[in-house]
C-alpha atoms as a PDB file:
ATOM      1  CA  MET A   1     119.625  10.881 -13.559  1.00  0.00           C
ATOM      2  CA  VAL A   2     118.175  13.935 -12.637  1.00  0.00           C
ATOM      3  CA  VAL A   3     119.377  17.475 -14.272  1.00  0.00           C
ATOM      4  CA  ASP A   4     119.923  19.933 -11.533  1.00  0.00           C
ATOM      5  CA  GLU A   5     118.576  22.990 -13.431  1.00  0.00           C
ATOM      6  CA  ALA A   6     119.973  25.424 -10.942  1.00  0.00           C
ATOM      7  CA  SER A   7     123.340  24.459 -11.000  1.00  0.00           C
ATOM      8  CA  SER A   8     123.669  23.714 -14.687  1.00  0.00           C
ATOM      9  CA  ARG A   9     124.682  26.205 -17.144  1.00  0.00           C
ATOM     10  CA  LEU A  10     123.438  24.681 -20.484  1.00  0.00           C
ATOM     11  CA  ALA A  11     124.218  27.454 -22.569  1.00  0.00           C
ATOM     12  CA  ASP A  12     127.977  26.918 -21.523  1.00  0.00           C
ATOM     13  CA  GLY A  13     127.716  23.173 -22.096  1.00  0.00           C
ATOM     14  CA  ILE A  14     127.646  22.413 -18.265  1.00  0.00           C
ATOM     15  CA  VAL A  15     125.154  19.835 -17.000  1.00  0.00           C
ATOM     16  CA  VAL A  16     125.237  18.976 -13.409  1.00  0.00           C
ATOM     17  CA  THR A  17     123.047  16.056 -11.931  1.00  0.00           C
ATOM     18  CA  GLN A  18     121.247  16.136  -8.804  1.00  0.00           C
ATOM     19  CA  PRO A  19     122.837  13.498  -6.332  1.00  0.00           C
ATOM     20  CA  PHE A  20     122.407   9.856  -7.272  1.00  0.00           C
ATOM     21  CA  GLN A  21     122.027   7.503  -4.263  1.00  0.00           C
ATOM     22  CA  PHE A  22     123.692   4.364  -5.206  1.00  0.00           C
ATOM     23  CA  ALA A  23     123.551   2.859  -2.039  1.00  0.00           C
ATOM     24  CA  LYS A  24     121.592   2.680   1.004  1.00  0.00           C
ATOM     25  CA  GLY A  25     122.104   0.812   4.166  1.00  0.00           C
ATOM     26  CA  PRO A  26     125.179  -0.091   6.486  1.00  0.00           C
ATOM     27  CA  VAL A  27     125.364  -3.692   4.937  1.00  0.00           C
ATOM     28  CA  THR A  28     125.970  -2.567   1.379  1.00  0.00           C
ATOM     29  CA  ALA A  29     127.371   1.089   1.728  1.00  0.00           C
ATOM     30  CA  GLN A  30     130.707   0.355   2.478  1.00  0.00           C
ATOM     31  CA  SER A  31     131.225  -2.373  -0.425  1.00  0.00           C
ATOM     32  CA  GLU A  32     129.388  -0.146  -2.680  1.00  0.00           C
ATOM     33  CA  LEU A  33     131.179   2.953  -1.600  1.00  0.00           C
ATOM     34  CA  SER A  34     134.834   1.240  -2.021  1.00  0.00           C
ATOM     35  CA  ARG A  35     133.705   0.659  -5.605  1.00  0.00           C
ATOM     36  CA  TYR A  36     132.702   4.155  -6.698  1.00  0.00           C
ATOM     37  CA  GLY A  37     135.249   5.908  -4.145  1.00  0.00           C
ATOM     38  CA  VAL A  38     138.514   5.740  -2.607  1.00  0.00           C
ATOM     39  CA  LEU A  39     138.147   5.048   1.096  1.00  0.00           C
ATOM     40  CA  GLN A  40     141.150   6.266   2.867  1.00  0.00           C
ATOM     41  CA  PHE A  41     139.492   6.303   6.295  1.00  0.00           C
ATOM     42  CA  ALA A  42     137.561   2.913   6.432  1.00  0.00           C
ATOM     43  CA  ASP A  43     136.813   3.112  10.040  1.00  0.00           C
ATOM     44  CA  ASN A  44     133.808   5.056   9.394  1.00  0.00           C
ATOM     45  CA  ALA A  45     130.427   3.673   9.707  1.00  0.00           C
ATOM     46  CA  TRP A  46     129.093   4.526   6.102  1.00  0.00           C
ATOM     47  CA  SER A  47     125.260   4.134   5.815  1.00  0.00           C
ATOM     48  CA  ARG A  48     125.106   5.776   2.315  1.00  0.00           C
ATOM     49  CA  GLY A  49     126.660   6.680  -0.726  1.00  0.00           C
ATOM     50  CA  ARG A  50     125.890   9.082  -3.598  1.00  0.00           C
ATOM     51  CA  TYR A  51     127.544  10.862  -6.587  1.00  0.00           C
ATOM     52  CA  THR A  52     127.094  14.071  -8.453  1.00  0.00           C
ATOM     53  CA  LEU A  53     127.886  14.275 -12.062  1.00  0.00           C
ATOM     54  CA  VAL A  54     129.389  17.502 -13.664  1.00  0.00           C
ATOM     55  CA  ILE A  55     129.395  16.871 -17.382  1.00  0.00           C
ATOM     56  CA  GLU A  56     131.100  19.554 -19.585  1.00  0.00           C
ATOM     57  CA  VAL A  57     130.431  19.569 -23.498  1.00  0.00           C
ATOM     58  CA  GLN A  58     132.676  21.752 -25.743  1.00  0.00           C
ATOM     59  CA  SER A  59     131.987  21.740 -29.318  1.00  0.00           C
ATOM     60  CA  ILE A  60     135.200  21.069 -31.376  1.00  0.00           C
ATOM     61  CA  ASP A  61     134.073  21.845 -35.059  1.00  0.00           C
ATOM     62  CA  GLY A  62     130.516  22.160 -34.875  1.00  0.00           C
ATOM     63  CA  ILE A  63     130.000  18.307 -35.701  1.00  0.00           C
ATOM     64  CA  GLN A  64     132.150  16.917 -33.061  1.00  0.00           C
ATOM     65  CA  ASN A  65     132.394  17.429 -29.185  1.00  0.00           C
ATOM     66  CA  ASN A  66     134.771  16.966 -26.761  1.00  0.00           C
ATOM     67  CA  VAL A  67     132.754  15.278 -23.253  1.00  0.00           C
ATOM     68  CA  SER A  68     134.313  15.486 -20.027  1.00  0.00           C
ATOM     69  CA  VAL A  69     132.649  14.151 -16.880  1.00  0.00           C
ATOM     70  CA  ASN A  70     133.688  14.439 -13.152  1.00  0.00           C
ATOM     71  CA  ALA A  71     131.895  12.954 -10.189  1.00  0.00           C
ATOM     72  CA  LYS A  72     131.778  14.075  -6.627  1.00  0.00           C
ATOM     73  CA  VAL A  73     131.404  10.899  -4.526  1.00  0.00           C
ATOM     74  CA  GLU A  74     130.095  11.023  -1.037  1.00  0.00           C
ATOM     75  CA  GLY A  75     129.426   9.014   1.934  1.00  0.00           C
ATOM     76  CA  ARG A  76     127.173   9.504   4.900  1.00  0.00           C
ATOM     77  CA  SER A  77     128.996   8.883   7.968  1.00  0.00           C
ATOM     78  CA  GLY A  78     128.372   8.701  11.603  1.00  0.00           C
ATOM     79  CA  ASN A  79     129.544   7.818  14.964  1.00  0.00           C
ATOM     80  CA  GLY A  80     125.953   7.155  16.560  1.00  0.00           C
ATOM     81  CA  LEU A  81     125.298  10.899  17.362  1.00  0.00           C
ATOM     82  CA  THR A  82     125.787  12.934  14.146  1.00  0.00           C
ATOM     83  CA  ALA A  83     125.986  11.819  10.513  1.00  0.00           C
ATOM     84  CA  GLU A  84     127.231  14.383   7.874  1.00  0.00           C
ATOM     85  CA  TRP A  85     128.144  13.486   4.039  1.00  0.00           C
ATOM     86  CA  THR A  86     131.884  13.073   3.654  1.00  0.00           C
ATOM     87  CA  THR A  87     133.670  13.618   0.254  1.00  0.00           C
ATOM     88  CA  VAL A  88     135.744  10.824  -1.019  1.00  0.00           C
ATOM     89  CA  GLN A  89     137.892  10.735  -3.875  1.00  0.00           C
ATOM     90  CA  SER A  90     136.149   9.131  -7.110  1.00  0.00           C
ATOM     91  CA  SER A  91     137.592   5.899  -8.184  1.00  0.00           C
ATOM     92  CA  GLY A  92     136.299   6.790 -11.957  1.00  0.00           C
ATOM     93  CA  LEU A  93     133.617   4.068 -12.039  1.00  0.00           C
ATOM     94  CA  ALA A  94     130.825   6.518 -12.320  1.00  0.00           C
ATOM     95  CA  GLU A  95     132.438   8.467 -14.898  1.00  0.00           C
ATOM     96  CA  ASP A  96     133.147   5.455 -16.788  1.00  0.00           C
ATOM     97  CA  GLU A  97     129.697   4.069 -16.433  1.00  0.00           C
ATOM     98  CA  PHE A  98     128.229   7.516 -17.626  1.00  0.00           C
ATOM     99  CA  LEU A  99     130.223   7.791 -20.782  1.00  0.00           C
ATOM    100  CA  ALA A 100     129.638   3.653 -21.673  1.00  0.00           C
ATOM    101  CA  ALA A 101     125.947   4.576 -21.380  1.00  0.00           C
ATOM    102  CA  LEU A 102     126.417   7.777 -23.413  1.00  0.00           C
ATOM    103  CA  VAL A 103     128.130   6.277 -26.284  1.00  0.00           C
ATOM    104  CA  GLU A 104     125.679   3.323 -26.456  1.00  0.00           C
ATOM    105  CA  ALA A 105     122.707   6.063 -26.622  1.00  0.00           C
ATOM    106  CA  VAL A 106     124.407   7.933 -29.240  1.00  0.00           C
ATOM    107  CA  THR A 107     125.898   5.169 -31.525  1.00  0.00           C
ATOM    108  CA  GLY A 108     123.668   2.165 -30.588  1.00  0.00           C
ATOM    109  CA  GLN A 109     126.725   0.037 -29.627  1.00  0.00           C
ATOM    110  CA  SER A 110     127.949  -1.223 -26.570  1.00  0.00           C
ATOM    111  CA  VAL A 111     131.660   0.154 -25.457  1.00  0.00           C
ATOM    112  CA  ASP A 112     132.450  -3.357 -23.980  1.00  0.00           C
ATOM    113  CA  PRO A 113     132.705  -5.974 -26.705  1.00  0.00           C
ATOM    114  CA  VAL A 114     130.662  -9.033 -26.304  1.00  0.00           C
ATOM    115  CA  GLN A 115     133.095 -11.961 -26.505  1.00  0.00           C
ATOM    116  CA  ASP A 116     132.272 -14.858 -28.861  1.00  0.00           C
ATOM    117  CA  VAL A 117     131.651 -18.101 -27.243  1.00  0.00           C
ATOM    118  CA  GLU A 118     132.063 -21.309 -29.190  1.00  0.00           C
ATOM    119  CA  ASN A 119     129.599 -23.951 -28.534  1.00  0.00           C
ATOM    120  CA  ASN A 120     130.737 -27.463 -28.879  1.00  0.00           C
END
């Protein structure tokens, strides 16, 4: 992910990423877009999917921080003559993936516990 320096306000604890394209091509765009967003109008011909994260960090007591993440999920839709980016409601997956990666980077431990598998 690349930070959008022009949109971010680092002194205020607000970090905005540049759009991250997670799907490209009509074969995978619809299914990937439905994972990251809530498609209320599935009849569009989706060709791409992307999201932009807005991360807000608020200091609690100088040692602990509150981190919130919001994703703007967009799909590129078209009717053959024109194409435009359409914002869809986030499913929460992009936010969950970011927070899980952040926790792992900071603590060194995965958020998702590994299941013990017994060998017989």
